[in-house]
């Protein structure tokens, strides 16, 4: 290969790299726009703010917990409808009328999710609900463990139905699932 053909080939490669870089940048921009649009759609469907600061999240958790405490005497005997029932008086969870065994902490997680049914519950809210004293709080990832174990127990008891939905970077929602027609 001559020096002139090497120079020509180098210019062609640089042009290809430049076109690839522009395509990559355009693709990255499109991905960012898609993520933003998805977040806006989730906000519209869920009806909650997109991003919360740590302080706003704590305030939302405090308001939700205060509402729960204020409404304590007027709460129905059984939270949720459909297939899942959270019986506060007996502190039992039932799926399709059959009780399922869960731990006290799992019950308390499900109880808060049931109070806020069809609304996002954040990790911060769950930590405040489970661990009242700030010096008593474990690592926040413990919430993931409780949710995972609770999901598995509910799924097994409900024949594969999913009651708890994860909302990425936000928290969890307990969804109402209607009773089976054959039940």
N, C-alpha and C. Protein backbone atom coordinates (compact mmCIF):
# COMPACT_ATOMS: atom_id res chain seq x y z
N UNK A 1 0.84 -1.18 0.00
CA UNK A 1 0.00 0.00 0.00
C UNK A 1 0.88 1.23 0.00
N UNK A 2 0.49 2.16 -0.83
CA UNK A 2 1.25 3.39 -0.91
C UNK A 2 0.84 4.36 0.18
N UNK A 3 1.70 5.36 0.35
CA UNK A 3 1.43 6.36 1.37
C UNK A 3 0.15 7.12 1.09
N UNK A 4 -0.15 7.38 -0.18
CA UNK A 4 -1.36 8.11 -0.54
C UNK A 4 -2.61 7.28 -0.23
N UNK A 5 -2.56 5.96 -0.48
CA UNK A 5 -3.73 5.12 -0.19
C UNK A 5 -3.93 4.97 1.32
N UNK A 6 -2.83 4.97 2.09
CA UNK A 6 -2.96 4.92 3.55
C UNK A 6 -3.61 6.19 4.07
N UNK A 7 -3.22 7.34 3.53
CA UNK A 7 -3.79 8.61 3.93
C UNK A 7 -5.28 8.64 3.59
N UNK A 8 -5.64 8.17 2.41
CA UNK A 8 -7.04 8.14 1.99
C UNK A 8 -7.84 7.22 2.92
N UNK A 9 -7.26 6.07 3.20
CA UNK A 9 -7.94 5.10 4.09
C UNK A 9 -8.12 5.70 5.50
N UNK A 10 -7.12 6.41 6.01
CA UNK A 10 -7.19 7.04 7.33
C UNK A 10 -8.30 8.09 7.36
N UNK A 11 -8.42 8.88 6.31
CA UNK A 11 -9.48 9.89 6.22
C UNK A 11 -10.85 9.21 6.21
N UNK A 12 -10.99 8.10 5.49
CA UNK A 12 -12.26 7.36 5.45
C UNK A 12 -12.62 6.82 6.84
N UNK A 13 -11.63 6.28 7.52
CA UNK A 13 -11.88 5.73 8.87
C UNK A 13 -12.27 6.84 9.83
N UNK A 14 -11.60 7.99 9.75
CA UNK A 14 -11.95 9.12 10.62
C UNK A 14 -13.37 9.60 10.34
N UNK A 15 -13.77 9.61 9.07
CA UNK A 15 -15.13 10.01 8.71
C UNK A 15 -16.16 9.01 9.26
N UNK A 16 -15.83 7.71 9.17
CA UNK A 16 -16.73 6.68 9.71
C UNK A 16 -16.87 6.83 11.23
N UNK A 17 -15.74 7.08 11.91
CA UNK A 17 -15.78 7.28 13.36
C UNK A 17 -16.60 8.50 13.73
N UNK A 18 -16.46 9.57 12.95
CA UNK A 18 -17.22 10.79 13.22
C UNK A 18 -18.72 10.53 13.05
N UNK A 19 -19.11 9.82 11.96
CA UNK A 19 -20.52 9.49 11.75
C UNK A 19 -21.04 8.60 12.88
N UNK A 20 -20.24 7.64 13.30
CA UNK A 20 -20.63 6.74 14.39
C UNK A 20 -20.83 7.51 15.69
N UNK A 21 -19.91 8.45 15.98
CA UNK A 21 -20.03 9.26 17.19
C UNK A 21 -21.31 10.08 17.16
N UNK A 22 -21.65 10.69 16.03
CA UNK A 22 -22.88 11.48 15.93
C UNK A 22 -24.11 10.60 16.12
N UNK A 23 -24.09 9.40 15.52
CA UNK A 23 -25.22 8.48 15.68
C UNK A 23 -25.35 8.05 17.14
N UNK A 24 -24.23 7.79 17.79
CA UNK A 24 -24.24 7.40 19.20
C UNK A 24 -24.83 8.52 20.05
N UNK A 25 -24.39 9.75 19.80
CA UNK A 25 -24.90 10.89 20.56
C UNK A 25 -26.40 11.07 20.33
N UNK A 26 -26.84 10.91 19.10
CA UNK A 26 -28.27 11.02 18.79
C UNK A 26 -29.06 9.90 19.48
N UNK A 27 -28.51 8.69 19.45
CA UNK A 27 -29.15 7.56 20.12
C UNK A 27 -29.24 7.78 21.61
N UNK A 28 -28.18 8.30 22.22
CA UNK A 28 -28.18 8.58 23.66
C UNK A 28 -29.23 9.63 24.00
N UNK A 29 -29.33 10.65 23.16
CA UNK A 29 -30.34 11.69 23.37
C UNK A 29 -31.74 11.11 23.29
N UNK A 30 -31.97 10.22 22.31
CA UNK A 30 -33.28 9.60 22.17
C UNK A 30 -33.62 8.71 23.38
N UNK A 31 -32.62 8.00 23.88
CA UNK A 31 -32.83 7.16 25.07
C UNK A 31 -33.19 8.03 26.27
N UNK A 32 -32.48 9.14 26.46
CA UNK A 32 -32.79 10.06 27.57
C UNK A 32 -34.21 10.60 27.44
N UNK A 33 -34.61 10.98 26.23
CA UNK A 33 -35.97 11.49 26.01
C UNK A 33 -37.01 10.42 26.31
N UNK A 34 -36.71 9.17 25.90
CA UNK A 34 -37.64 8.07 26.16
C UNK A 34 -37.78 7.83 27.67
N UNK A 35 -36.66 7.88 28.42
CA UNK A 35 -36.73 7.71 29.86
C UNK A 35 -37.55 8.82 30.51
N UNK A 36 -37.35 10.04 30.04
CA UNK A 36 -38.10 11.17 30.58
C UNK A 36 -39.60 11.00 30.29
N UNK A 37 -39.93 10.61 29.05
CA UNK A 37 -41.33 10.41 28.68
C UNK A 37 -41.96 9.28 29.50
N UNK A 38 -41.21 8.21 29.73
CA UNK A 38 -41.71 7.11 30.54
C UNK A 38 -41.97 7.56 31.97
N UNK A 39 -41.06 8.35 32.52
CA UNK A 39 -41.25 8.88 33.87
C UNK A 39 -42.49 9.76 33.97
N UNK A 40 -42.69 10.60 32.95
CA UNK A 40 -43.87 11.47 32.93
C UNK A 40 -45.15 10.64 32.83
N UNK A 41 -45.12 9.58 32.03
CA UNK A 41 -46.27 8.70 31.90
C UNK A 41 -46.57 8.00 33.21
N UNK A 42 -45.52 7.52 33.90
CA UNK A 42 -45.71 6.88 35.20
C UNK A 42 -46.31 7.86 36.19
N UNK A 43 -45.84 9.11 36.17
CA UNK A 43 -46.38 10.12 37.07
C UNK A 43 -47.85 10.35 36.80
N UNK A 44 -48.21 10.42 35.50
CA UNK A 44 -49.61 10.65 35.14
C UNK A 44 -50.49 9.48 35.58
N UNK A 45 -50.00 8.27 35.42
CA UNK A 45 -50.77 7.09 35.80
C UNK A 45 -50.88 6.93 37.31
N UNK A 46 -49.78 7.21 38.02
CA UNK A 46 -49.74 7.00 39.46
C UNK A 46 -50.24 8.23 40.19
N UNK A 47 -50.06 9.39 39.60
CA UNK A 47 -50.54 10.62 40.20
C UNK A 47 -49.70 11.12 41.35
N UNK A 48 -48.41 10.93 41.26
CA UNK A 48 -47.54 11.41 42.34
C UNK A 48 -46.36 12.16 41.71
N UNK A 49 -45.66 12.96 42.50
CA UNK A 49 -44.56 13.74 41.96
C UNK A 49 -43.44 12.86 41.44
N UNK A 50 -42.73 13.36 40.43
CA UNK A 50 -41.67 12.58 39.79
C UNK A 50 -40.47 12.33 40.68
N UNK A 51 -39.91 13.37 41.21
CA UNK A 51 -38.74 13.20 42.05
C UNK A 51 -38.96 13.97 43.34
N UNK A 52 -38.57 13.36 44.42
CA UNK A 52 -38.68 14.00 45.71
C UNK A 52 -37.30 14.13 46.32
N UNK A 53 -37.07 15.25 46.96
CA UNK A 53 -35.83 15.38 47.70
C UNK A 53 -35.96 14.53 48.95
N UNK A 54 -34.86 14.32 49.65
CA UNK A 54 -34.89 13.53 50.88
C UNK A 54 -35.86 14.15 51.89
N UNK A 55 -35.84 15.49 51.97
CA UNK A 55 -36.72 16.19 52.92
C UNK A 55 -38.19 16.03 52.52
N UNK A 56 -38.50 16.18 51.21
CA UNK A 56 -39.87 16.01 50.74
C UNK A 56 -40.36 14.59 50.97
N UNK A 57 -39.48 13.62 50.75
CA UNK A 57 -39.83 12.22 50.97
C UNK A 57 -40.15 11.97 52.43
N UNK A 58 -39.33 12.52 53.33
CA UNK A 58 -39.59 12.39 54.76
C UNK A 58 -40.90 13.05 55.15
N UNK A 59 -41.18 14.23 54.57
CA UNK A 59 -42.43 14.92 54.88
C UNK A 59 -43.63 14.10 54.40
N UNK A 60 -43.52 13.52 53.19
CA UNK A 60 -44.61 12.69 52.67
C UNK A 60 -44.82 11.48 53.57
N UNK A 61 -43.72 10.88 54.02
CA UNK A 61 -43.82 9.72 54.91
C UNK A 61 -44.49 10.12 56.22
N UNK A 62 -44.09 11.26 56.77
CA UNK A 62 -44.68 11.73 58.02
C UNK A 62 -46.17 12.00 57.87
N UNK A 63 -46.56 12.64 56.76
CA UNK A 63 -47.99 12.92 56.53
C UNK A 63 -48.79 11.64 56.41
N UNK A 64 -48.25 10.66 55.66
CA UNK A 64 -48.96 9.40 55.50
C UNK A 64 -49.11 8.69 56.84
N UNK A 65 -48.03 8.64 57.61
CA UNK A 65 -48.10 7.97 58.91
C UNK A 65 -49.05 8.69 59.86
N UNK A 66 -49.05 10.03 59.84
CA UNK A 66 -49.98 10.79 60.69
C UNK A 66 -51.42 10.49 60.29
N UNK A 67 -51.68 10.42 59.01
CA UNK A 67 -53.02 10.10 58.52
C UNK A 67 -53.45 8.72 58.99
N UNK A 68 -52.53 7.78 58.91
CA UNK A 68 -52.84 6.41 59.34
C UNK A 68 -53.18 6.40 60.83
N UNK A 69 -52.38 7.09 61.64
CA UNK A 69 -52.62 7.11 63.08
C UNK A 69 -53.95 7.79 63.41
N UNK A 70 -54.24 8.92 62.74
CA UNK A 70 -55.48 9.65 62.99
C UNK A 70 -56.70 8.81 62.63
N UNK A 71 -56.57 8.03 61.57
CA UNK A 71 -57.71 7.25 61.09
C UNK A 71 -57.83 5.91 61.79
N UNK A 72 -56.95 5.62 62.72
CA UNK A 72 -56.90 4.31 63.38
C UNK A 72 -58.24 3.79 63.86
N UNK A 73 -59.03 4.57 64.58
CA UNK A 73 -60.30 4.08 65.12
C UNK A 73 -61.37 3.89 64.07
N UNK A 74 -61.26 4.60 62.97
CA UNK A 74 -62.31 4.55 61.95
C UNK A 74 -61.98 3.60 60.80
N UNK A 75 -60.87 2.89 60.90
CA UNK A 75 -60.48 2.03 59.80
C UNK A 75 -61.39 0.81 59.73
N UNK A 76 -61.66 0.31 58.53
CA UNK A 76 -62.50 -0.88 58.41
C UNK A 76 -61.81 -2.08 59.04
N UNK A 77 -62.61 -3.09 59.38
CA UNK A 77 -62.07 -4.29 60.01
C UNK A 77 -61.06 -4.97 59.09
N UNK A 78 -61.34 -4.93 57.80
CA UNK A 78 -60.43 -5.58 56.85
C UNK A 78 -60.01 -4.57 55.80
N UNK A 79 -58.70 -4.42 55.63
CA UNK A 79 -58.17 -3.54 54.59
C UNK A 79 -58.11 -4.32 53.29
N UNK A 80 -58.11 -3.64 52.20
CA UNK A 80 -58.05 -4.23 50.86
C UNK A 80 -59.39 -4.85 50.51
N UNK A 81 -59.52 -5.11 49.26
CA UNK A 81 -60.70 -5.79 48.76
C UNK A 81 -60.20 -6.85 47.80
N UNK A 82 -61.09 -7.50 47.17
CA UNK A 82 -60.66 -8.52 46.23
C UNK A 82 -60.11 -9.75 46.93
N UNK A 83 -59.06 -10.29 46.39
CA UNK A 83 -58.52 -11.56 46.88
C UNK A 83 -57.75 -11.42 48.19
N UNK A 84 -57.15 -10.27 48.43
CA UNK A 84 -56.31 -10.07 49.60
C UNK A 84 -57.06 -9.30 50.68
N UNK A 85 -57.03 -9.80 51.91
CA UNK A 85 -57.65 -9.10 53.03
C UNK A 85 -56.63 -9.00 54.15
N UNK A 86 -56.47 -7.78 54.69
CA UNK A 86 -55.59 -7.54 55.83
C UNK A 86 -56.51 -7.26 57.01
N UNK A 87 -56.65 -8.23 57.89
CA UNK A 87 -57.55 -8.13 59.04
C UNK A 87 -56.78 -7.53 60.20
N UNK A 88 -57.08 -6.26 60.52
CA UNK A 88 -56.36 -5.55 61.58
C UNK A 88 -56.69 -6.07 62.97
N UNK A 89 -57.93 -6.44 63.17
CA UNK A 89 -58.34 -6.89 64.50
C UNK A 89 -57.59 -8.16 64.89
N UNK A 90 -57.51 -9.12 63.98
CA UNK A 90 -56.83 -10.38 64.28
C UNK A 90 -55.38 -10.39 63.81
N UNK A 91 -54.98 -9.32 63.11
CA UNK A 91 -53.64 -9.21 62.55
C UNK A 91 -53.33 -10.42 61.67
N UNK A 92 -54.28 -10.73 60.78
CA UNK A 92 -54.15 -11.85 59.85
C UNK A 92 -54.19 -11.36 58.42
N UNK A 93 -53.54 -12.11 57.57
CA UNK A 93 -53.61 -11.88 56.13
C UNK A 93 -54.35 -13.06 55.54
N UNK A 94 -55.32 -12.76 54.70
CA UNK A 94 -56.05 -13.84 54.03
C UNK A 94 -56.01 -13.62 52.52
N UNK A 95 -55.87 -14.69 51.80
CA UNK A 95 -55.99 -14.66 50.35
C UNK A 95 -57.09 -15.64 49.99
N UNK A 96 -58.09 -15.15 49.29
CA UNK A 96 -59.26 -15.95 48.93
C UNK A 96 -59.90 -16.57 50.18
N UNK A 97 -59.84 -15.85 51.30
CA UNK A 97 -60.45 -16.31 52.54
C UNK A 97 -59.59 -17.23 53.38
N UNK A 98 -58.44 -17.64 52.87
CA UNK A 98 -57.55 -18.55 53.59
C UNK A 98 -56.41 -17.78 54.22
N UNK A 99 -56.19 -17.97 55.55
CA UNK A 99 -55.09 -17.25 56.20
C UNK A 99 -53.73 -17.75 55.72
N UNK A 100 -52.77 -16.84 55.67
CA UNK A 100 -51.40 -17.22 55.33
C UNK A 100 -50.48 -16.76 56.45
N UNK A 101 -49.43 -17.51 56.66
CA UNK A 101 -48.50 -17.20 57.73
C UNK A 101 -47.40 -16.25 57.29
N UNK A 102 -47.28 -15.13 57.98
CA UNK A 102 -46.19 -14.19 57.72
C UNK A 102 -45.65 -13.71 59.07
N UNK A 103 -44.46 -13.15 59.05
CA UNK A 103 -43.85 -12.65 60.27
C UNK A 103 -44.48 -11.31 60.66
N UNK A 104 -44.20 -10.86 61.87
CA UNK A 104 -44.72 -9.58 62.36
C UNK A 104 -44.24 -8.42 61.47
N UNK A 105 -42.96 -8.42 61.11
CA UNK A 105 -42.44 -7.33 60.27
C UNK A 105 -43.08 -7.37 58.88
N UNK A 106 -43.26 -8.55 58.32
CA UNK A 106 -43.93 -8.66 57.01
C UNK A 106 -45.36 -8.15 57.11
N UNK A 107 -46.03 -8.47 58.23
CA UNK A 107 -47.39 -7.98 58.43
C UNK A 107 -47.40 -6.45 58.45
N UNK A 108 -46.45 -5.85 59.16
CA UNK A 108 -46.41 -4.39 59.27
C UNK A 108 -46.12 -3.73 57.92
N UNK A 109 -45.27 -4.37 57.10
CA UNK A 109 -45.00 -3.86 55.75
C UNK A 109 -46.30 -3.90 54.93
N UNK A 110 -46.96 -5.05 54.97
CA UNK A 110 -48.20 -5.21 54.20
C UNK A 110 -49.29 -4.29 54.71
N UNK A 111 -49.33 -4.07 56.01
CA UNK A 111 -50.32 -3.17 56.60
C UNK A 111 -50.17 -1.75 56.04
N UNK A 112 -48.94 -1.25 55.98
CA UNK A 112 -48.72 0.09 55.44
C UNK A 112 -49.06 0.14 53.95
N UNK A 113 -48.66 -0.89 53.22
CA UNK A 113 -49.00 -0.96 51.79
C UNK A 113 -50.52 -0.98 51.60
N UNK A 114 -51.23 -1.68 52.50
CA UNK A 114 -52.69 -1.76 52.41
C UNK A 114 -53.34 -0.42 52.72
N UNK A 115 -52.83 0.30 53.73
CA UNK A 115 -53.36 1.64 54.04
C UNK A 115 -53.21 2.57 52.85
N UNK A 116 -52.08 2.45 52.17
CA UNK A 116 -51.79 3.34 51.04
C UNK A 116 -52.14 2.69 49.71
N UNK A 117 -52.94 1.66 49.73
CA UNK A 117 -53.28 0.84 48.56
C UNK A 117 -53.44 1.69 47.29
N UNK A 118 -52.81 1.21 46.23
CA UNK A 118 -52.82 1.85 44.90
C UNK A 118 -52.07 3.19 44.89
N UNK A 119 -51.24 3.44 45.92
CA UNK A 119 -50.35 4.60 45.97
C UNK A 119 -48.95 4.13 46.30
N UNK A 120 -47.96 4.88 45.83
CA UNK A 120 -46.57 4.50 46.07
C UNK A 120 -46.21 4.67 47.54
N UNK A 121 -45.55 3.64 48.09
CA UNK A 121 -44.99 3.70 49.44
C UNK A 121 -43.48 3.60 49.28
N UNK A 122 -42.76 4.58 49.81
CA UNK A 122 -41.30 4.63 49.65
C UNK A 122 -40.59 3.83 50.73
N UNK A 123 -39.33 3.58 50.48
CA UNK A 123 -38.48 2.89 51.47
C UNK A 123 -38.45 3.69 52.77
N UNK A 124 -38.35 5.02 52.64
CA UNK A 124 -38.32 5.89 53.82
C UNK A 124 -39.60 5.75 54.64
N UNK A 125 -40.75 5.68 53.98
CA UNK A 125 -42.02 5.51 54.69
C UNK A 125 -42.04 4.19 55.45
N UNK A 126 -41.58 3.13 54.77
CA UNK A 126 -41.57 1.81 55.42
C UNK A 126 -40.61 1.78 56.61
N UNK A 127 -39.45 2.39 56.45
CA UNK A 127 -38.50 2.44 57.57
C UNK A 127 -39.10 3.17 58.76
N UNK A 128 -39.77 4.30 58.51
CA UNK A 128 -40.39 5.05 59.60
C UNK A 128 -41.51 4.27 60.24
N UNK A 129 -42.24 3.50 59.44
CA UNK A 129 -43.35 2.70 59.97
C UNK A 129 -42.85 1.53 60.81
N UNK A 130 -41.77 0.90 60.35
CA UNK A 130 -41.26 -0.29 61.03
C UNK A 130 -40.37 0.03 62.23
N UNK A 131 -39.58 1.09 62.10
CA UNK A 131 -38.60 1.43 63.13
C UNK A 131 -38.86 2.85 63.58
N UNK A 132 -39.57 3.00 64.65
CA UNK A 132 -40.01 4.31 65.11
C UNK A 132 -38.87 5.20 65.59
N UNK A 133 -37.86 4.60 66.22
CA UNK A 133 -36.74 5.38 66.73
C UNK A 133 -35.64 5.45 65.68
N UNK A 134 -35.06 6.63 65.49
CA UNK A 134 -34.04 6.79 64.46
C UNK A 134 -32.77 5.99 64.78
N UNK A 135 -32.47 5.81 66.07
CA UNK A 135 -31.27 5.05 66.43
C UNK A 135 -31.50 3.53 66.31
N UNK A 136 -32.74 3.15 66.02
CA UNK A 136 -33.12 1.75 65.93
C UNK A 136 -33.12 1.25 64.48
N UNK A 137 -32.91 2.15 63.51
CA UNK A 137 -33.07 1.79 62.11
C UNK A 137 -31.89 1.00 61.56
N UNK A 138 -32.20 -0.12 60.87
CA UNK A 138 -31.15 -0.92 60.23
C UNK A 138 -30.82 -0.34 58.86
N UNK A 139 -30.07 -1.07 58.08
CA UNK A 139 -29.76 -0.66 56.71
C UNK A 139 -31.05 -0.62 55.89
N UNK A 140 -31.22 0.40 55.04
CA UNK A 140 -32.45 0.51 54.24
C UNK A 140 -32.73 -0.70 53.36
N UNK A 141 -31.72 -1.45 52.99
CA UNK A 141 -31.92 -2.61 52.11
C UNK A 141 -32.74 -3.70 52.79
N UNK A 142 -32.93 -3.63 54.11
CA UNK A 142 -33.75 -4.63 54.81
C UNK A 142 -35.18 -4.61 54.27
N UNK A 143 -35.61 -3.45 53.80
CA UNK A 143 -36.96 -3.34 53.23
C UNK A 143 -37.08 -4.23 52.01
N UNK A 144 -36.03 -4.29 51.17
CA UNK A 144 -36.04 -5.16 50.00
C UNK A 144 -36.22 -6.62 50.41
N UNK A 145 -35.60 -7.00 51.51
CA UNK A 145 -35.70 -8.38 52.00
C UNK A 145 -37.15 -8.66 52.43
N UNK A 146 -37.74 -7.75 53.21
CA UNK A 146 -39.13 -7.94 53.64
C UNK A 146 -40.08 -8.03 52.44
N UNK A 147 -39.90 -7.12 51.48
CA UNK A 147 -40.77 -7.10 50.30
C UNK A 147 -40.61 -8.41 49.52
N UNK A 148 -39.38 -8.85 49.33
CA UNK A 148 -39.12 -10.08 48.58
C UNK A 148 -39.78 -11.30 49.23
N UNK A 149 -39.60 -11.44 50.54
CA UNK A 149 -40.20 -12.58 51.25
C UNK A 149 -41.72 -12.50 51.24
N UNK A 150 -42.25 -11.29 51.43
CA UNK A 150 -43.69 -11.10 51.43
C UNK A 150 -44.28 -11.42 50.05
N UNK A 151 -43.63 -10.93 49.00
CA UNK A 151 -44.08 -11.23 47.64
C UNK A 151 -44.15 -12.73 47.38
N UNK A 152 -43.10 -13.43 47.80
CA UNK A 152 -43.03 -14.87 47.58
C UNK A 152 -44.18 -15.58 48.29
N UNK A 153 -44.44 -15.22 49.54
CA UNK A 153 -45.52 -15.86 50.30
C UNK A 153 -46.88 -15.56 49.68
N UNK A 154 -47.10 -14.30 49.29
CA UNK A 154 -48.38 -13.93 48.67
C UNK A 154 -48.56 -14.64 47.33
N UNK A 155 -47.49 -14.68 46.54
CA UNK A 155 -47.54 -15.33 45.22
C UNK A 155 -47.86 -16.81 45.38
N UNK A 156 -47.20 -17.48 46.32
CA UNK A 156 -47.45 -18.91 46.53
C UNK A 156 -48.88 -19.17 46.98
N UNK A 157 -49.39 -18.32 47.87
CA UNK A 157 -50.75 -18.51 48.39
C UNK A 157 -51.81 -18.15 47.35
N UNK A 158 -51.46 -17.30 46.40
CA UNK A 158 -52.44 -16.82 45.42
C UNK A 158 -52.29 -17.48 44.06
N UNK A 159 -51.53 -18.55 44.00
CA UNK A 159 -51.38 -19.24 42.73
C UNK A 159 -50.66 -18.43 41.67
N UNK A 160 -49.69 -17.64 42.08
CA UNK A 160 -48.88 -16.88 41.13
C UNK A 160 -49.27 -15.43 40.93
N UNK A 161 -50.38 -15.00 41.52
CA UNK A 161 -50.81 -13.60 41.37
C UNK A 161 -49.84 -12.67 42.08
N UNK A 162 -49.57 -11.52 41.46
CA UNK A 162 -48.67 -10.51 42.03
C UNK A 162 -49.49 -9.38 42.61
N UNK A 163 -49.33 -9.14 43.89
CA UNK A 163 -50.05 -8.06 44.56
C UNK A 163 -49.19 -6.81 44.72
N UNK A 164 -47.88 -7.00 44.88
CA UNK A 164 -46.98 -5.87 45.14
C UNK A 164 -46.20 -5.55 43.87
N UNK A 165 -46.32 -4.30 43.43
CA UNK A 165 -45.64 -3.84 42.21
C UNK A 165 -44.51 -2.89 42.61
N UNK A 166 -43.36 -3.08 41.99
CA UNK A 166 -42.23 -2.18 42.22
C UNK A 166 -42.31 -1.02 41.23
N UNK A 167 -42.15 0.17 41.74
CA UNK A 167 -42.06 1.37 40.90
C UNK A 167 -40.60 1.80 40.99
N UNK A 168 -39.82 1.59 39.92
CA UNK A 168 -38.37 1.84 39.97
C UNK A 168 -38.03 3.22 40.52
N UNK A 169 -37.04 3.24 41.40
CA UNK A 169 -36.52 4.44 42.04
C UNK A 169 -37.55 5.20 42.88
N UNK A 170 -38.68 4.57 43.18
CA UNK A 170 -39.71 5.27 43.94
C UNK A 170 -40.18 4.46 45.12
N UNK A 171 -40.55 3.19 44.90
CA UNK A 171 -41.08 2.38 46.00
C UNK A 171 -41.94 1.26 45.49
N UNK A 172 -43.03 0.99 46.24
CA UNK A 172 -43.89 -0.14 45.94
C UNK A 172 -45.34 0.27 46.05
N UNK A 173 -46.19 -0.47 45.33
CA UNK A 173 -47.63 -0.25 45.36
C UNK A 173 -48.30 -1.60 45.60
N UNK A 174 -49.28 -1.61 46.49
CA UNK A 174 -50.12 -2.79 46.65
C UNK A 174 -51.32 -2.59 45.75
N UNK A 175 -51.50 -3.49 44.82
CA UNK A 175 -52.60 -3.39 43.86
C UNK A 175 -53.76 -4.28 44.30
N UNK A 176 -54.96 -3.80 44.08
CA UNK A 176 -56.15 -4.62 44.33
C UNK A 176 -56.24 -5.66 43.22
N UNK A 177 -56.48 -6.88 43.60
CA UNK A 177 -56.69 -7.94 42.61
C UNK A 177 -58.09 -8.49 42.87
N UNK A 178 -58.91 -8.49 41.84
CA UNK A 178 -60.29 -8.92 42.01
C UNK A 178 -60.35 -10.43 42.25
N UNK A 179 -61.38 -10.86 42.95
CA UNK A 179 -61.52 -12.29 43.24
C UNK A 179 -61.65 -13.10 41.95
N UNK A 180 -61.17 -14.32 42.03
CA UNK A 180 -61.32 -15.23 40.89
C UNK A 180 -62.79 -15.57 40.74
N UNK A 181 -63.22 -15.75 39.50
CA UNK A 181 -64.63 -16.06 39.25
C UNK A 181 -65.00 -17.46 39.75
N UNK A 182 -64.00 -18.38 39.84
CA UNK A 182 -64.29 -19.72 40.29
C UNK A 182 -64.22 -19.85 41.81
N UNK A 183 -63.87 -18.76 42.52
CA UNK A 183 -63.74 -18.81 43.98
C UNK A 183 -65.07 -18.61 44.65
